[in-house]
Amino acid sequence: MSKKHNQISALDRFVASALMLITPEYKAVRNARLKSTVRMQDKQSGFHIKPEYTQIEGKSIRFARGGSEGKPTILLLNPLPQSILCYEQIWPLLAQNFQLFAYDLPGFGGSEGGAEVMNTETQSRILAEFVSQMHISDFHLVGPDIGMPVALHYALRGDCRAKSLVIGDGPCVSPTFNGSIIDRMVDSALWRLIFRIGGAGTFVAGANKLCYVNYTPGPEELADYVSSYKGRIGSVMEWFRTYPEIIDSIQPRLSEIKIPIQIFWGDLDQLLLVQTGKKIHELLPKSKLTVFENCGHFSYQDRSDEFASMVSDWVIENSSSD
């Protein structure tokens, strides 16, 4: 991947910092970051995760695979505004005991797509086709952030092959418990236009400021995120415009999901507040809730060791027949 043309610029950082001045939740994250005794920084010069591409419904879909064949299978969906490379820290922690797949959702990360894929019906259908194409079965589906409603919708499909879900930090219930940034993107056409004008660099820089308490992404990682969303913030804003519809496509049917579900949340998540996790835990008949302390929105990086342990313990517990 080329870093030269996909760096976060000084202007991007300035605009993101200005946005934080009018984001009341930022103060809590900034103070927690200053007090954090856990300092994690990506220093990779190369990745354990090796992206590949496949074609599904005429779209190039980026994914990765690794780990140990014959072991229980985990499939990880990317969050926003990130890609499958966000799992670099937990990938080697899981690879010894599990077969791993990571998947950039259509329209996000390194996968093709635009406004036409910004709905849970299309996303879960293409996910099902990927699962079939890769001959994956009896797997455990990990879906943070934008992957959360997709994972839930997939679990409602008649051809669902997942044994369990591990989901969190994403939209799932109404009324929602959102931070102000989410409300702006969902409720205001003006703010969606502002984010579109700001572009990928500002979008990624702002997310970094608001969503990390302990972790700092490195330049190679950031370059992939900026590259993934360059010229695509408009279609991402379409996803936020349809936010209520996304929730409506799954919430009325949550009680129909019969497979076990591990819910996770960061206690300092300022995009989607932890109350959201508690609410869906009440609504799902077979769920467990884990809240990571001193942790922001990107919990798989902010508390990577704890996150990997949670996933590992959960998958082992729910793979007795594998």
Protein backbone atom coordinates (compact mmCIF):
# COMPACT_ATOMS: atom_id res chain seq x y z
CA MET A 1 0.00 0.00 0.00
CA SER A 2 1.24 3.52 -0.72
CA LYS A 3 1.58 5.88 2.21
CA LYS A 4 2.67 8.90 0.21
CA HIS A 5 -0.73 9.88 -1.11
CA ASN A 6 -2.78 8.57 1.81
CA GLN A 7 -1.34 10.36 4.81
CA ILE A 8 -3.48 12.36 7.20
CA SER A 9 -2.44 15.93 6.40
CA ALA A 10 -1.83 18.81 8.78
CA LEU A 11 -5.08 20.35 7.50
CA ASP A 12 -6.96 17.13 8.23
CA ARG A 13 -5.66 17.15 11.80
CA PHE A 14 -6.50 20.83 12.22
CA VAL A 15 -10.09 20.37 11.00
CA ALA A 16 -10.50 17.28 13.19
CA SER A 17 -9.22 19.21 16.22
CA ALA A 18 -11.64 22.05 15.49
CA LEU A 19 -14.49 19.54 15.29
CA MET A 20 -13.53 18.18 18.70
CA LEU A 21 -13.94 21.68 20.18
CA ILE A 22 -17.68 21.46 19.46
CA THR A 23 -17.95 17.79 20.47
CA PRO A 24 -18.76 17.70 24.20
CA GLU A 25 -17.88 14.02 24.59
CA TYR A 26 -14.27 14.61 23.52
CA LYS A 27 -13.28 16.03 26.90
CA ALA A 28 -13.97 12.71 28.63
CA VAL A 29 -11.84 10.80 26.12
CA ARG A 30 -9.01 13.34 26.24
CA ASN A 31 -8.89 13.27 30.03
CA ALA A 32 -8.95 9.47 30.11
CA ARG A 33 -6.16 9.33 27.54
CA LEU A 34 -4.01 11.70 29.62
CA LYS A 35 -4.53 9.51 32.70
CA SER A 36 -4.10 6.18 30.92
CA THR A 37 -1.23 4.03 32.18
CA VAL A 38 -1.57 1.74 29.16
CA ARG A 39 0.32 3.02 26.13
CA MET A 40 -0.06 0.93 23.00
CA GLN A 41 1.29 2.06 19.66
CA ASP A 42 1.34 0.30 16.33
CA LYS A 43 4.98 -0.06 15.29
CA GLN A 44 4.49 -2.64 12.56
CA SER A 45 6.51 -2.40 9.36
CA GLY A 46 4.37 -5.01 7.67
CA PHE A 47 1.35 -7.00 8.73
CA HIS A 48 0.46 -10.50 9.83
CA ILE A 49 -2.80 -9.93 7.95
CA LYS A 50 -2.29 -10.51 4.22
CA PRO A 51 -5.25 -9.14 2.20
CA GLU A 52 -6.68 -11.05 -0.74
CA TYR A 53 -9.55 -10.29 -3.11
CA THR A 54 -12.51 -12.19 -4.45
CA GLN A 55 -15.46 -11.26 -6.68
CA ILE A 56 -19.02 -11.37 -5.31
CA GLU A 57 -21.98 -9.91 -7.21
CA GLY A 58 -19.59 -8.06 -9.50
CA LYS A 59 -17.74 -6.37 -6.63
CA SER A 60 -14.16 -6.84 -5.52
CA ILE A 61 -14.27 -7.92 -1.88
CA ARG A 62 -11.13 -7.70 0.25
CA PHE A 63 -10.55 -10.34 2.88
CA ALA A 64 -7.78 -12.20 4.69
CA ARG A 65 -7.36 -15.68 6.07
CA GLY A 66 -4.92 -17.33 8.41
CA GLY A 67 -4.59 -19.21 11.64
CA SER A 68 -4.87 -22.96 12.06
CA GLU A 69 -6.92 -25.12 9.72
CA GLY A 70 -9.10 -27.65 11.44
CA LYS A 71 -9.58 -25.43 14.48
CA PRO A 72 -12.78 -23.48 15.30
CA THR A 73 -13.34 -20.72 12.75
CA ILE A 74 -13.67 -17.00 13.50
CA LEU A 75 -14.82 -14.47 10.88
CA LEU A 76 -14.16 -10.80 11.70
CA LEU A 77 -16.06 -7.94 10.02
CA ASN A 78 -14.37 -4.56 9.68
CA PRO A 79 -15.53 -1.44 11.55
CA LEU A 80 -15.70 2.19 10.33
CA PRO A 81 -13.58 4.15 9.47
CA GLN A 82 -11.21 1.23 9.54
CA SER A 83 -10.48 -1.92 7.60
CA ILE A 84 -9.55 -5.50 8.41
CA LEU A 85 -6.06 -4.25 9.30
CA CYS A 86 -7.48 -3.03 12.62
CA TYR A 87 -7.25 -6.66 13.76
CA GLU A 88 -3.47 -6.78 13.39
CA GLN A 89 -2.92 -6.74 17.17
CA ILE A 90 -5.30 -9.60 17.93
CA TRP A 91 -4.62 -11.66 14.80
CA PRO A 92 -1.48 -13.44 16.12
CA LEU A 93 -3.11 -13.90 19.53
CA LEU A 94 -5.94 -15.88 17.92
CA ALA A 95 -4.10 -17.56 15.05
CA GLN A 96 -2.60 -20.42 17.05
CA ASN A 97 -5.92 -21.80 18.26
CA PHE A 98 -8.38 -20.78 15.54
CA GLN A 99 -8.85 -20.62 11.80
CA LEU A 100 -9.30 -16.95 10.94
CA PHE A 101 -11.05 -14.94 8.25
CA ALA A 102 -11.36 -11.16 8.13
CA TYR A 103 -13.74 -9.42 5.72
CA ASP A 104 -14.10 -5.83 4.56
CA LEU A 105 -17.81 -5.17 4.18
CA PRO A 106 -18.89 -3.98 0.71
CA GLY A 107 -18.55 -0.21 0.49
CA PHE A 108 -16.13 -0.13 3.42
CA GLY A 109 -12.44 -0.82 3.91
CA GLY A 110 -10.79 -2.23 0.79
CA SER A 111 -13.98 -3.69 -0.71
CA GLU A 112 -15.83 -2.10 -3.62
CA GLY A 113 -19.31 -0.67 -3.30
CA GLY A 114 -21.23 2.54 -2.81
CA ALA A 115 -24.67 3.73 -1.78
CA GLU A 116 -26.26 0.63 -3.32
CA VAL A 117 -24.81 -1.60 -0.59
CA MET A 118 -25.58 0.66 2.37
CA ASN A 119 -28.34 -1.51 3.84
CA THR A 120 -28.33 -4.59 6.03
CA GLU A 121 -30.25 -6.75 3.54
CA THR A 122 -27.58 -6.37 0.86
CA GLN A 123 -24.70 -6.56 3.32
CA SER A 124 -25.91 -9.79 4.93
CA ARG A 125 -26.69 -11.35 1.53
CA ILE A 126 -23.18 -10.67 0.21
CA LEU A 127 -21.73 -11.92 3.50
CA ALA A 128 -23.69 -15.15 3.09
CA GLU A 129 -22.32 -15.53 -0.43
CA PHE A 130 -18.77 -14.98 0.87
CA VAL A 131 -19.28 -17.62 3.56
CA SER A 132 -20.54 -20.06 0.93
CA GLN A 133 -17.72 -19.24 -1.49
CA MET A 134 -15.07 -19.81 1.19
CA HIS A 135 -16.80 -23.05 2.35
CA ILE A 136 -17.05 -21.73 5.91
CA SER A 137 -19.42 -23.40 8.35
CA ASP A 138 -20.02 -23.57 12.08
CA PHE A 139 -18.10 -20.32 12.55
CA HIS A 140 -18.15 -17.53 15.10
CA LEU A 141 -18.94 -14.10 13.64
CA VAL A 142 -17.27 -11.03 15.17
CA GLY A 143 -18.95 -7.74 14.24
CA PRO A 144 -18.03 -4.45 15.90
CA ASP A 145 -19.43 -1.04 14.87
CA ILE A 146 -20.97 -1.19 11.36
CA GLY A 147 -20.49 -4.95 11.45
CA MET A 148 -22.89 -5.30 14.38
CA PRO A 149 -26.19 -4.81 12.50
CA VAL A 150 -24.85 -6.90 9.60
CA ALA A 151 -24.00 -9.76 11.98
CA LEU A 152 -27.43 -9.59 13.61
CA HIS A 153 -29.20 -9.50 10.25
CA TYR A 154 -27.10 -12.44 9.03
CA ALA A 155 -28.09 -14.41 12.14
CA LEU A 156 -31.74 -14.00 11.10
CA ARG A 157 -31.17 -15.53 7.67
CA GLY A 158 -32.39 -19.03 6.98
CA ASP A 159 -28.97 -19.94 5.59
CA CYS A 160 -27.03 -18.64 8.61
CA ARG A 161 -24.02 -20.87 9.28
CA ALA A 162 -22.76 -19.06 12.38
CA LYS A 163 -22.63 -20.87 15.73
CA SER A 164 -22.42 -17.63 17.70
CA LEU A 165 -21.98 -13.87 17.43
CA VAL A 166 -19.51 -11.54 19.12
CA ILE A 167 -20.89 -8.01 18.61
CA GLY A 168 -20.59 -4.54 20.09
CA ASP A 169 -20.05 -0.80 19.75
CA GLY A 170 -22.66 -0.57 16.99
CA PRO A 171 -26.24 0.45 16.19
CA CYS A 172 -28.88 -2.08 17.13
CA VAL A 173 -31.74 -0.57 19.16
CA SER A 174 -34.07 2.41 19.25
CA PRO A 175 -34.20 4.74 21.04
CA THR A 176 -30.47 4.97 20.52
CA PHE A 177 -27.88 6.17 23.01
CA ASN A 178 -25.65 8.18 20.70
CA GLY A 179 -22.89 10.69 21.10
CA SER A 180 -23.35 14.04 19.36
CA ILE A 181 -21.21 13.08 16.34
CA ILE A 182 -23.54 10.20 15.47
CA ASP A 183 -26.61 12.37 15.91
CA ARG A 184 -25.17 14.97 13.54
CA MET A 185 -24.53 12.45 10.81
CA VAL A 186 -27.89 10.73 11.26
CA ASP A 187 -30.14 13.76 11.67
CA SER A 188 -28.54 16.59 9.69
CA ALA A 189 -28.08 16.78 5.92
CA LEU A 190 -25.87 19.84 6.50
CA TRP A 191 -23.52 17.92 8.76
CA ARG A 192 -23.37 15.01 6.31
CA LEU A 193 -22.32 17.51 3.65
CA ILE A 194 -19.66 18.95 5.99
CA PHE A 195 -18.21 15.50 6.63
CA ARG A 196 -18.25 14.77 2.91
CA ILE A 197 -16.34 17.99 2.19
CA GLY A 198 -13.87 17.21 4.97
CA GLY A 199 -12.98 13.95 3.26
CA ALA A 200 -11.35 10.73 4.36
CA GLY A 201 -8.32 12.22 6.12
CA THR A 202 -10.40 14.40 8.42
CA PHE A 203 -12.89 11.59 9.01
CA VAL A 204 -10.16 9.17 10.11
CA ALA A 205 -8.32 11.82 12.17
CA GLY A 206 -11.51 12.78 14.01
CA ALA A 207 -12.33 9.15 14.76
CA ASN A 208 -8.84 8.63 16.19
CA LYS A 209 -9.24 11.57 18.55
CA LEU A 210 -12.64 10.50 19.82
CA CYS A 211 -12.35 6.71 19.85
CA TYR A 212 -8.98 5.80 21.39
CA VAL A 213 -8.04 5.95 25.06
CA ASN A 214 -4.96 3.72 25.04
CA TYR A 215 -3.95 2.90 21.46
CA THR A 216 -2.23 4.96 18.76
CA PRO A 217 -2.36 3.69 15.17
CA GLY A 218 0.81 3.81 13.08
CA PRO A 219 1.31 5.41 9.66
CA GLU A 220 0.90 2.21 7.61
CA GLU A 221 -2.38 1.44 9.32
CA LEU A 222 -3.66 4.99 8.89
CA ALA A 223 -2.65 5.03 5.24
CA ASP A 224 -4.85 2.01 4.61
CA TYR A 225 -7.82 3.64 6.32
CA VAL A 226 -7.45 6.91 4.41
CA SER A 227 -7.02 5.02 1.14
CA SER A 228 -10.07 2.90 1.92
CA TYR A 229 -12.38 5.90 2.28
CA LYS A 230 -10.87 8.40 -0.14
CA GLY A 231 -13.70 9.63 -2.35
CA ARG A 232 -16.23 7.48 -0.48
CA ILE A 233 -17.37 9.61 2.46
CA GLY A 234 -20.49 10.51 0.48
CA SER A 235 -21.65 6.89 0.37
CA VAL A 236 -20.65 6.43 4.03
CA MET A 237 -22.92 9.35 4.87
CA GLU A 238 -25.71 7.53 3.02
CA TRP A 239 -25.26 4.72 5.55
CA PHE A 240 -25.77 7.21 8.38
CA ARG A 241 -28.79 8.73 6.63
CA THR A 242 -30.45 5.32 6.68
CA TYR A 243 -29.42 4.63 10.29
CA PRO A 244 -33.02 4.39 11.61
CA GLU A 245 -33.90 1.98 8.79
CA ILE A 246 -30.88 -0.17 9.64
CA ILE A 247 -32.07 -0.48 13.23
CA ASP A 248 -35.66 -1.11 12.14
CA SER A 249 -34.48 -4.00 9.96
CA ILE A 250 -33.25 -5.94 12.99
CA GLN A 251 -34.72 -4.72 16.29
CA PRO A 252 -38.25 -6.13 15.86
CA ARG A 253 -36.76 -9.58 15.24
CA LEU A 254 -34.06 -9.76 17.92
CA SER A 255 -36.02 -12.32 19.93
CA GLU A 256 -35.87 -14.68 16.93
CA ILE A 257 -32.08 -15.06 17.18
CA LYS A 258 -31.40 -18.39 18.86
CA ILE A 259 -27.61 -18.65 18.69
CA PRO A 260 -25.59 -17.40 21.70
CA ILE A 261 -24.29 -13.84 21.57
CA GLN A 262 -21.35 -12.19 23.32
CA ILE A 263 -21.86 -8.42 23.53
CA PHE A 264 -18.91 -6.12 24.22
CA TRP A 265 -18.57 -2.40 24.81
CA GLY A 266 -15.99 0.15 25.92
CA ASP A 267 -17.05 1.99 29.06
CA LEU A 268 -15.75 5.27 27.58
CA ASP A 269 -17.28 4.80 24.13
CA GLN A 270 -18.43 8.30 23.18
CA LEU A 271 -19.88 7.44 19.78
CA LEU A 272 -22.39 4.84 20.93
CA LEU A 273 -22.77 4.95 24.67
CA VAL A 274 -22.49 1.83 26.79
CA GLN A 275 -26.20 2.08 27.61
CA THR A 276 -26.78 0.74 24.09
CA GLY A 277 -24.95 -2.46 24.97
CA LYS A 278 -26.92 -2.84 28.17
CA LYS A 279 -30.19 -2.31 26.30
CA ILE A 280 -29.57 -4.94 23.63
CA HIS A 281 -28.35 -7.36 26.30
CA GLU A 282 -31.83 -7.07 27.85
CA LEU A 283 -33.50 -7.74 24.50
CA LEU A 284 -31.45 -10.73 23.33
CA PRO A 285 -32.54 -14.05 24.85
CA LYS A 286 -29.12 -15.74 24.83
CA SER A 287 -26.55 -13.03 25.43
CA LYS A 288 -23.64 -12.12 27.68
CA LEU A 289 -22.30 -8.58 28.17
CA THR A 290 -18.65 -7.65 28.71
CA VAL A 291 -17.74 -4.00 29.36
CA PHE A 292 -14.05 -3.11 29.01
CA GLU A 293 -12.86 -0.54 31.55
CA ASN A 294 -10.93 2.56 30.53
CA CYS A 295 -11.67 1.72 26.92
CA GLY A 296 -12.90 3.76 23.96
CA HIS A 297 -14.98 2.86 20.92
CA PHE A 298 -12.27 0.81 19.20
CA SER A 299 -12.09 -1.83 21.95
CA TYR A 300 -10.40 -4.52 19.80
CA GLN A 301 -7.36 -2.20 19.76
CA ASP A 302 -7.80 -0.13 22.91
CA ARG A 303 -7.91 -3.32 25.00
CA SER A 304 -6.50 -5.78 22.48
CA ASP A 305 -5.23 -8.43 24.92
CA GLU A 306 -8.49 -8.45 26.88
CA PHE A 307 -10.52 -8.44 23.67
CA ALA A 308 -8.59 -11.40 22.25
CA SER A 309 -9.04 -13.29 25.52
CA MET A 310 -12.76 -12.61 25.51
CA VAL A 311 -13.12 -13.87 21.93
CA SER A 312 -10.94 -16.92 22.61
CA ASP A 313 -12.80 -17.92 25.77
CA TRP A 314 -16.16 -17.39 24.10
CA VAL A 315 -15.35 -19.40 20.98
CA ILE A 316 -13.90 -22.30 22.99
CA GLU A 317 -16.98 -22.33 25.20
CA ASN A 318 -19.30 -22.35 22.21
CA SER A 319 -17.37 -24.79 20.00
CA SER A 320 -17.87 -27.98 21.97
CA SER A 321 -19.17 -29.83 18.90
CA ASP A 322 -16.50 -28.52 16.47
